[in-house]
Structure formats: C-alpha cells, structure tokens
Protein backbone atom coordinates (compact mmCIF):
# COMPACT_ATOMS: atom_id res chain seq x y z
CA MET A 1 -92.38 -92.17 19.89
CA VAL A 2 -94.38 -95.49 18.90
CA ARG A 3 -91.15 -97.09 17.87
CA ALA A 4 -89.36 -96.25 20.92
CA GLY A 5 -92.10 -97.79 23.22
CA GLY A 6 -91.50 -101.42 21.16
CA PHE A 7 -94.89 -101.29 19.00
CA PRO A 8 -94.17 -102.52 15.73
CA ILE A 9 -95.45 -100.55 12.81
CA ALA A 10 -96.81 -102.17 9.63
CA GLY A 11 -98.25 -99.30 8.25
CA ILE A 12 -100.23 -95.78 8.85
CA ILE A 13 -104.09 -94.90 8.33
CA ALA A 14 -104.83 -91.59 8.74
CA ASN A 15 -108.21 -90.02 9.33
CA ARG A 16 -109.77 -86.59 8.71
CA VAL A 17 -107.39 -85.63 6.44
CA TYR A 18 -107.86 -82.34 3.92
CA ASP A 19 -106.69 -82.46 0.26
CA PHE A 20 -107.60 -79.34 -1.71
CA PRO A 21 -105.74 -79.15 -5.19
CA PRO A 22 -104.51 -75.84 -6.77
CA LEU A 23 -106.99 -73.61 -8.13
CA PRO A 24 -106.99 -73.33 -11.71
CA PRO A 25 -106.26 -70.03 -13.21
CA ARG A 26 -109.03 -67.36 -13.06
CA PRO A 27 -111.65 -69.70 -11.15
CA GLY A 28 -115.17 -68.90 -11.01
CA ARG A 29 -115.06 -66.03 -13.45
CA GLU A 30 -119.12 -66.36 -13.74
CA VAL A 31 -119.27 -65.45 -9.99
CA PRO A 32 -119.59 -61.82 -8.90
CA ALA A 33 -116.17 -60.35 -7.96
CA ALA A 34 -116.91 -59.63 -4.30
CA LEU A 35 -118.11 -63.30 -3.96
CA ARG A 36 -115.18 -64.67 -6.14
CA GLU A 37 -112.66 -63.18 -3.90
CA LYS A 38 -114.05 -64.27 -0.53
CA LEU A 39 -114.73 -67.75 -1.98
CA ILE A 40 -110.84 -67.84 -3.22
CA ALA A 41 -109.90 -66.68 0.45
CA ASN A 42 -111.67 -69.43 1.98
CA TYR A 43 -110.44 -72.10 -0.31
CA ALA A 44 -107.06 -70.76 0.27
CA ASP A 45 -107.65 -71.17 3.94
CA PHE A 46 -108.55 -74.76 2.99
CA ALA A 47 -105.66 -75.52 0.88
CA ALA A 48 -103.29 -74.26 4.03
CA LEU A 49 -104.97 -76.96 5.98
CA ALA A 50 -104.28 -79.30 3.02
CA ALA A 51 -100.46 -78.54 3.15
CA ARG A 52 -100.00 -78.85 6.82
CA ASP A 53 -101.98 -82.41 6.48
CA ARG A 54 -99.67 -83.47 3.69
CA ALA A 55 -96.41 -82.02 5.90
CA ALA A 56 -97.80 -84.13 8.87
CA LEU A 57 -98.20 -87.00 7.01
CA ASP A 58 -94.80 -87.09 5.51
CA THR A 59 -92.96 -86.44 8.80
CA LEU A 60 -95.13 -89.26 10.16
CA GLN A 61 -94.24 -91.76 7.55
CA ARG A 62 -90.61 -90.83 7.76
CA GLU A 63 -90.32 -91.15 11.83
CA ALA A 64 -92.35 -94.08 11.90
CA ASP A 65 -90.69 -95.57 8.71
CA ALA A 66 -93.93 -96.93 7.68
CA PRO A 67 -95.89 -96.48 4.81
CA LEU A 68 -99.27 -94.83 4.35
CA LEU A 69 -101.88 -97.31 3.78
CA ALA A 70 -104.67 -94.96 3.59
CA ALA A 71 -105.88 -91.45 4.01
CA LEU A 72 -109.66 -91.04 4.73
CA PRO A 73 -110.82 -87.55 4.03
CA VAL A 74 -112.55 -85.17 6.62
CA LEU A 75 -116.22 -86.88 6.58
CA GLU A 76 -119.56 -84.40 6.70
CA GLU A 77 -120.65 -86.48 9.58
CA ALA A 78 -118.81 -88.70 11.98
CA PRO A 79 -119.39 -92.50 11.23
CA ALA A 80 -121.54 -93.19 14.10
CA SER A 81 -124.02 -95.22 12.39
CA LEU A 82 -123.95 -98.89 10.44
CA ALA A 83 -124.24 -96.56 7.40
CA GLY A 84 -121.63 -94.31 8.18
CA LEU A 85 -119.13 -97.12 9.46
CA ARG A 86 -120.01 -98.75 5.76
CA ARG A 87 -118.89 -95.58 4.38
CA VAL A 88 -115.43 -95.72 5.97
CA ALA A 89 -114.84 -99.39 5.03
CA ALA A 90 -115.67 -98.27 1.37
CA LEU A 91 -113.14 -95.58 1.39
CA LEU A 92 -110.60 -97.91 3.11
CA ASN A 93 -111.20 -100.32 0.03
CA THR A 94 -111.06 -97.89 -2.85
CA ALA A 95 -108.03 -97.17 -4.75
CA ASP A 96 -108.40 -93.53 -3.49
CA ALA A 97 -107.18 -94.99 -0.31
CA SER A 98 -104.31 -96.47 -1.65
CA PRO A 99 -100.61 -95.76 -0.76
CA GLN A 100 -99.98 -94.43 -3.95
CA ARG A 101 -102.64 -91.69 -3.88
CA ARG A 102 -102.90 -88.31 -2.24
CA PRO A 103 -105.51 -87.72 0.46
CA ARG A 104 -109.12 -87.40 -0.96
CA ARG A 105 -110.78 -84.03 -0.66
CA ALA A 106 -113.14 -83.19 1.66
CA PRO A 107 -116.56 -83.04 0.92
C-alpha cells in the first residue's frame, strides 16, 4: 500500500513488539500449582501476542519488500521525556535491534 503510493521504503522499524520465547519444560516447579497454572495461562496469552506480532512483521516485510531494521519492545512507559527518548535511542543502537535479531521481550 505504501509502495503503491510511490513512497520508497528502505527499511522497517517496528514499535511495541512482543516477544516471548517458549517456556522450558515444567516451568515454575517451586510455585504453588494453582498459581503456576494461572501464570502459565497468562504467559500463553502473551506468547500468542508475540506470535501475532511475528506474523504481522513477516507479512509487512514481504509486502513492502524491505528489511526489518529494528523491532522495539513494548515499553513499561511511553517515551514522553528526554530519558525515555534516550532509552529508545539506545534500543535502536543495540545489537538487539539489528535485522538479524528477533524482537526483544516486553519488560
């Protein structure tokens, strides 16, 4: 759609991306069973969001025919200050934001 409008795309920077790796086998054995089940269910919800984000980024890259330059994580707070903007700049400047890496985990 953007290319159809005549806009060149050199690369993609994605913001507010979730990434949750698979859980290890039998996670949280030290946590009471009832709590562990709730935590695992909650993690599954976030893992589904991460899968949705990965699929959307794959589609965007394919349709835009452009590389993913960076995938910034969902931040705890919006970067509404100089310190917040510095944090975003640092994330953009790290190896974790390189095209070879997957999106970072949410805090």
